[in-house]
Amino acid sequence: MTTDAPRPEVLRYTAFSSAPAGGNPAGVVLDATALDDDDMLAIAAGLGYSETAFLTAPPAGLGGQEGRAYGIRYFSPRAEVPFCGHATVATAVALAERTGPGELVFATRAGTVPVEVTEEDGGLRATLTSVEPHVEGIADADLAEALAALDWPAADLDPAFPPRIAYAGARHLVLAAATRARLADLAYDFTRLETLMRRLDLTTVQLVWRESATVFHVRDPFPVGGVVEDPATGAAAAAFGAYLRTLGLVPEDAVLTLHQGEDLGRPGELTVTLRAGDPRVRVGGAGTRID
């Protein structure tokens, strides 16, 4: 972008909450065609949110209705990430406020992500459909290093939920706490965990505790993005849905509720929907403008 060109407007929305003080805030730039990578990174770093989304023209062959299909890129304060769920929800809500609810299609670095926006209780709700997910194991030494960085004894893990790396657009290490108190007590070695995550190409660590058959509480350390903790993480929610289904911990048809952000004072709620015969995962929630 030339130095004398006007800076684009950076909108601020929160995802997975209908209240501006809840959920996960994201920056949204609805027209980033004049921005290069350095511009986008500078904007994201200046805003300081875990991610900022930047819309560009749709690539050839993307499909979708004219004016409702876009290229999208996501930047944390430190680097570009391939996919971000909460910034996708925030962007979809911002677009729907201007063009109305309905279907949107985004071309991400991870693949094509459709989003449906609906009106609900006087607000807007966006549901994204992930790329096809997969789940893999983690080496014992890497797991031991993750637990050491978190200062979590192995005995504090829930044996019903074996550690795995799950992907639904980005890679996340899933670790389940045996108690809500263990999940609430999060004080980790930022540099040590970041080093491990970079080596394993992880976006966050998805820490979970199961309240009931369909209700979970989750937290997401995000040191690789320069953020101690992400308040509500759609990409990790999608990966977690794939994890649960792959390990047979929930039925193939399931609707799950994830509570996140309570321990940060930014409560949010994510709905994860699994459908038999469709490997993709749907993640939905409310969104609203912050200012």
Protein backbone atom coordinates (compact mmCIF):
# COMPACT_ATOMS: atom_id res chain seq x y z
CA MET A 1 0.00 0.00 0.00
CA THR A 2 1.40 3.40 -0.89
CA THR A 3 2.18 5.71 1.98
CA ASP A 4 -0.32 8.34 0.82
CA ALA A 5 -3.19 5.88 0.30
CA PRO A 6 -5.96 6.03 2.90
CA ARG A 7 -5.84 3.33 5.54
CA PRO A 8 -8.81 0.97 5.32
CA GLU A 9 -11.44 1.02 8.01
CA VAL A 10 -10.82 -1.62 10.67
CA LEU A 11 -14.08 -2.79 12.22
CA ARG A 12 -14.24 -4.46 15.61
CA TYR A 13 -16.66 -7.32 16.22
CA THR A 14 -16.96 -10.02 18.83
CA ALA A 15 -17.83 -13.61 18.00
CA PHE A 16 -19.66 -16.26 20.00
CA SER A 17 -21.50 -13.70 22.12
CA SER A 18 -24.35 -11.26 21.58
CA ALA A 19 -22.74 -8.88 24.10
CA PRO A 20 -19.78 -6.71 23.06
CA ALA A 21 -17.98 -7.54 26.32
CA GLY A 22 -18.26 -11.29 25.76
CA GLY A 23 -16.85 -13.76 23.28
CA ASN A 24 -13.70 -13.21 21.25
CA PRO A 25 -13.02 -9.83 19.61
CA ALA A 26 -11.70 -9.73 16.06
CA GLY A 27 -10.69 -7.04 13.65
CA VAL A 28 -12.46 -7.05 10.29
CA VAL A 29 -11.26 -5.26 7.15
CA LEU A 30 -13.97 -5.55 4.50
CA ASP A 31 -11.74 -4.39 1.64
CA ALA A 32 -8.08 -5.35 1.83
CA THR A 33 -7.36 -5.27 -1.89
CA ALA A 34 -4.81 -2.46 -1.51
CA LEU A 35 -2.96 -4.11 1.39
CA ASP A 36 0.16 -6.27 1.21
CA ASP A 37 1.24 -8.82 3.81
CA ASP A 38 3.23 -6.29 5.83
CA ASP A 39 0.24 -3.94 5.92
CA MET A 40 -2.06 -6.69 7.19
CA LEU A 41 0.40 -7.79 9.84
CA ALA A 42 0.90 -4.19 11.00
CA ILE A 43 -2.85 -3.64 11.28
CA ALA A 44 -3.31 -6.88 13.23
CA ALA A 45 -0.42 -6.06 15.55
CA GLY A 46 -1.68 -2.54 16.11
CA LEU A 47 -5.16 -3.77 16.97
CA GLY A 48 -3.80 -6.45 19.28
CA TYR A 49 -6.65 -8.95 18.98
CA SER A 50 -5.82 -12.62 18.56
CA GLU A 51 -6.82 -12.33 14.88
CA THR A 52 -7.90 -9.80 12.29
CA ALA A 53 -9.63 -10.89 9.06
CA PHE A 54 -8.96 -9.26 5.69
CA LEU A 55 -11.35 -9.68 2.73
CA THR A 56 -10.19 -9.76 -0.86
CA ALA A 57 -11.79 -10.58 -4.21
CA PRO A 58 -12.86 -14.22 -4.59
CA PRO A 59 -10.51 -16.49 -6.52
CA ALA A 60 -11.71 -17.91 -9.81
CA GLY A 61 -13.95 -20.92 -9.40
CA LEU A 62 -14.88 -20.29 -5.76
CA GLY A 63 -18.61 -20.31 -6.46
CA GLY A 64 -21.24 -18.69 -4.29
CA GLN A 65 -23.53 -15.79 -5.13
CA GLU A 66 -22.08 -12.64 -6.60
CA GLY A 67 -21.26 -10.23 -3.81
CA ARG A 68 -21.40 -13.01 -1.21
CA ALA A 69 -18.13 -14.82 -1.95
CA TYR A 70 -14.69 -13.61 -0.88
CA GLY A 71 -11.09 -14.44 -0.36
CA ILE A 72 -10.16 -14.10 3.32
CA ARG A 73 -6.87 -14.00 5.20
CA TYR A 74 -6.23 -14.00 8.92
CA PHE A 75 -3.38 -12.38 10.82
CA SER A 76 -2.49 -12.61 14.49
CA PRO A 77 -0.26 -9.89 15.96
CA ARG A 78 2.72 -12.06 15.01
CA ALA A 79 1.92 -13.98 11.83
CA GLU A 80 -0.64 -15.13 9.29
CA VAL A 81 -2.70 -18.18 10.26
CA PRO A 82 -4.42 -20.50 7.75
CA PHE A 83 -7.87 -20.40 9.32
CA CYS A 84 -9.61 -18.64 12.20
CA GLY A 85 -13.13 -19.52 13.25
CA HIS A 86 -14.02 -16.56 15.42
CA ALA A 87 -12.79 -14.02 12.86
CA THR A 88 -14.83 -15.85 10.21
CA VAL A 89 -17.96 -15.55 12.35
CA ALA A 90 -17.21 -11.89 13.07
CA THR A 91 -16.68 -11.15 9.37
CA ALA A 92 -19.86 -12.96 8.37
CA VAL A 93 -21.88 -10.94 10.88
CA ALA A 94 -20.30 -7.70 9.67
CA LEU A 95 -21.20 -8.57 6.06
CA ALA A 96 -24.73 -9.63 6.98
CA GLU A 97 -25.34 -6.28 8.64
CA ARG A 98 -24.64 -4.71 5.25
CA THR A 99 -26.07 -7.21 2.77
CA GLY A 100 -28.52 -9.23 4.87
CA PRO A 101 -28.48 -12.77 6.29
CA GLY A 102 -27.94 -15.76 4.04
CA GLU A 103 -25.17 -17.86 2.57
CA LEU A 104 -21.56 -16.67 2.28
CA VAL A 105 -18.51 -18.45 0.92
CA PHE A 106 -14.92 -17.77 1.98
CA ALA A 107 -11.74 -18.99 0.31
CA THR A 108 -9.22 -19.53 3.14
CA ARG A 109 -5.68 -20.85 2.97
CA ALA A 110 -7.05 -24.08 4.48
CA GLY A 111 -9.80 -24.45 1.86
CA THR A 112 -13.34 -23.32 1.12
CA VAL A 113 -15.46 -22.44 4.16
CA PRO A 114 -19.20 -21.81 3.68
CA VAL A 115 -21.01 -19.74 6.32
CA GLU A 116 -24.73 -19.35 6.94
CA VAL A 117 -25.95 -16.22 8.73
CA THR A 118 -29.40 -16.17 10.29
CA GLU A 119 -31.41 -13.76 12.41
CA GLU A 120 -32.06 -14.99 15.92
CA ASP A 121 -33.56 -13.20 18.94
CA GLY A 122 -33.06 -9.81 17.32
CA GLY A 123 -29.40 -10.45 16.51
CA LEU A 124 -27.29 -12.31 13.98
CA ARG A 125 -25.83 -15.78 14.25
CA ALA A 126 -23.21 -17.27 11.92
CA THR A 127 -22.44 -20.96 11.41
CA LEU A 128 -19.35 -22.00 9.50
CA THR A 129 -18.70 -25.39 7.93
CA SER A 130 -15.10 -26.56 8.31
CA VAL A 131 -12.83 -28.15 5.77
CA GLU A 132 -12.54 -31.93 6.09
CA PRO A 133 -10.83 -32.69 9.43
CA HIS A 134 -8.41 -35.34 10.60
CA VAL A 135 -6.99 -36.50 13.93
CA GLU A 136 -3.53 -37.88 14.73
CA GLY A 137 -1.56 -39.05 17.75
CA ILE A 138 1.13 -37.20 19.65
CA ALA A 139 4.50 -38.64 20.63
CA ASP A 140 4.97 -39.40 24.33
CA ALA A 141 7.93 -37.02 24.56
CA ASP A 142 5.95 -34.18 22.98
CA LEU A 143 3.02 -34.79 25.32
CA ALA A 144 5.36 -34.76 28.30
CA GLU A 145 6.81 -31.45 27.12
CA ALA A 146 3.34 -29.93 26.68
CA LEU A 147 2.32 -30.97 30.19
CA ALA A 148 5.57 -29.63 31.62
CA ALA A 149 5.04 -26.28 29.88
CA LEU A 150 1.50 -26.13 31.25
CA ASP A 151 2.65 -27.35 34.70
CA TRP A 152 -0.06 -30.00 34.54
CA PRO A 153 0.71 -33.36 36.19
CA ALA A 154 -0.30 -36.26 33.95
CA ALA A 155 -2.57 -37.44 36.76
CA ASP A 156 -4.71 -34.32 36.23
CA LEU A 157 -5.76 -35.47 32.74
CA ASP A 158 -9.10 -37.19 32.13
CA PRO A 159 -8.25 -40.74 30.97
CA ALA A 160 -11.49 -40.93 28.98
CA PHE A 161 -10.12 -38.32 26.55
CA PRO A 162 -6.71 -39.37 25.20
CA PRO A 163 -4.42 -36.57 23.99
CA ARG A 164 -4.52 -36.09 20.23
CA ILE A 165 -3.71 -33.47 17.60
CA ALA A 166 -6.85 -32.51 15.69
CA TYR A 167 -7.23 -30.47 12.50
CA ALA A 168 -10.23 -28.76 10.91
CA GLY A 169 -8.40 -25.92 9.16
CA ALA A 170 -5.65 -25.52 11.76
CA ARG A 171 -3.85 -27.92 14.09
CA HIS A 172 -4.70 -28.04 17.81
CA LEU A 173 -3.47 -30.28 20.61
CA VAL A 174 -6.47 -31.55 22.61
CA LEU A 175 -5.89 -32.14 26.33
CA ALA A 176 -8.73 -32.94 28.74
CA ALA A 177 -8.66 -31.91 32.38
CA ALA A 178 -10.13 -34.26 34.95
CA THR A 179 -11.72 -31.39 36.92
CA ARG A 180 -13.05 -27.90 36.34
CA ALA A 181 -10.59 -26.63 38.95
CA ARG A 182 -7.67 -27.96 36.90
CA LEU A 183 -8.97 -26.16 33.81
CA ALA A 184 -9.46 -22.93 35.75
CA ASP A 185 -5.88 -22.95 37.07
CA LEU A 186 -3.93 -21.94 33.97
CA ALA A 187 -0.48 -20.39 34.43
CA TYR A 188 1.90 -21.74 31.83
CA ASP A 189 5.44 -21.20 30.56
CA PHE A 190 4.74 -19.00 27.52
CA THR A 191 8.10 -19.45 25.78
CA ARG A 192 8.36 -23.17 26.44
CA LEU A 193 4.87 -23.90 25.13
CA GLU A 194 5.38 -21.63 22.13
CA THR A 195 8.58 -23.47 21.19
CA LEU A 196 6.82 -26.84 21.26
CA MET A 197 3.82 -25.54 19.35
CA ARG A 198 5.97 -24.11 16.59
CA ARG A 199 7.80 -27.39 16.22
CA LEU A 200 4.50 -29.31 15.98
CA ASP A 201 2.81 -26.62 13.83
CA LEU A 202 0.04 -26.09 16.40
CA THR A 203 -2.21 -23.04 16.42
CA THR A 204 -3.57 -23.46 19.96
CA VAL A 205 -3.76 -26.03 22.70
CA GLN A 206 -7.40 -26.96 23.23
CA LEU A 207 -7.89 -27.57 26.96
CA VAL A 208 -11.26 -29.10 27.78
CA TRP A 209 -13.38 -30.32 30.67
CA ARG A 210 -16.57 -32.29 30.17
CA GLU A 211 -19.52 -31.06 32.22
CA SER A 212 -22.05 -33.45 30.71
CA ALA A 213 -22.59 -35.63 27.63
CA THR A 214 -22.95 -32.61 25.34
CA VAL A 215 -21.54 -29.66 27.34
CA PHE A 216 -17.85 -28.79 27.63
CA HIS A 217 -15.77 -25.95 29.05
CA VAL A 218 -12.68 -25.07 27.02
CA ARG A 219 -9.62 -22.80 27.07
CA ASP A 220 -7.01 -22.12 24.39
CA PRO A 221 -3.46 -20.95 25.09
CA PHE A 222 -2.22 -19.14 21.95
CA PRO A 223 1.43 -18.15 22.48
CA VAL A 224 2.34 -18.63 18.80
CA GLY A 225 0.00 -15.74 18.03
CA GLY A 226 1.52 -13.54 20.71
CA VAL A 227 -1.58 -13.94 22.90
CA VAL A 228 -1.62 -15.73 26.26
CA GLU A 229 -5.13 -17.08 25.74
CA ASP A 230 -7.76 -16.94 23.02
CA PRO A 231 -11.18 -16.14 24.55
CA ALA A 232 -13.34 -18.19 22.11
CA THR A 233 -11.80 -20.33 19.41
CA GLY A 234 -13.92 -21.50 16.48
CA ALA A 235 -11.15 -23.36 14.65
CA ALA A 236 -10.29 -25.30 17.81
CA ALA A 237 -13.98 -26.03 18.39
CA ALA A 238 -14.21 -27.55 14.92
CA ALA A 239 -11.09 -29.62 15.53
CA PHE A 240 -12.47 -30.74 18.89
CA GLY A 241 -15.73 -31.84 17.27
CA ALA A 242 -13.72 -33.97 14.84
CA TYR A 243 -11.69 -35.36 17.75
CA LEU A 244 -14.81 -36.39 19.68
CA ARG A 245 -16.39 -38.08 16.67
CA THR A 246 -13.20 -39.85 15.56
CA LEU A 247 -12.65 -41.31 19.01
CA GLY A 248 -16.31 -42.32 19.34
CA LEU A 249 -16.86 -40.09 22.36
CA VAL A 250 -20.09 -38.62 20.98
CA PRO A 251 -22.67 -39.93 18.46
CA GLU A 252 -22.15 -39.29 14.75
CA ASP A 253 -25.15 -36.94 14.92
CA ALA A 254 -24.59 -34.55 17.81
CA VAL A 255 -25.05 -30.94 18.89
CA LEU A 256 -22.51 -29.85 21.48
CA THR A 257 -22.19 -26.68 23.55
CA LEU A 258 -18.76 -25.28 24.37
CA HIS A 259 -18.40 -22.59 27.03
CA GLN A 260 -15.26 -20.52 26.71
CA GLY A 261 -13.95 -17.23 28.06
CA GLU A 262 -15.53 -17.48 31.52
CA ASP A 263 -12.12 -17.60 33.19
CA LEU A 264 -11.11 -14.45 31.27
CA GLY A 265 -14.25 -12.50 32.08
CA ARG A 266 -15.40 -12.72 28.43
CA PRO A 267 -17.98 -15.54 28.43
CA GLY A 268 -18.86 -16.99 25.07
CA GLU A 269 -20.80 -19.95 23.74
CA LEU A 270 -19.96 -22.07 20.71
CA THR A 271 -22.31 -24.61 19.15
CA VAL A 272 -20.63 -27.58 17.46
CA THR A 273 -22.80 -29.68 15.16
CA LEU A 274 -21.84 -33.10 13.80
CA ARG A 275 -23.82 -34.80 11.04
CA ALA A 276 -23.66 -38.47 10.14
CA GLY A 277 -22.26 -39.00 6.66
CA ASP A 278 -20.54 -35.59 6.56
CA PRO A 279 -16.99 -35.47 7.94
CA ARG A 280 -17.03 -31.68 8.19
CA VAL A 281 -17.83 -29.90 11.45
CA ARG A 282 -20.18 -26.94 11.87
CA VAL A 283 -19.41 -24.26 14.44
CA GLY A 284 -21.86 -21.47 15.16
CA GLY A 285 -22.47 -18.59 17.47
CA ALA A 286 -23.77 -15.07 17.84
CA GLY A 287 -21.76 -12.00 16.91
CA THR A 288 -22.05 -8.27 17.34
CA ARG A 289 -20.16 -5.05 16.70
CA ILE A 290 -18.04 -3.77 19.55
CA ASP A 291 -18.20 -0.06 18.64
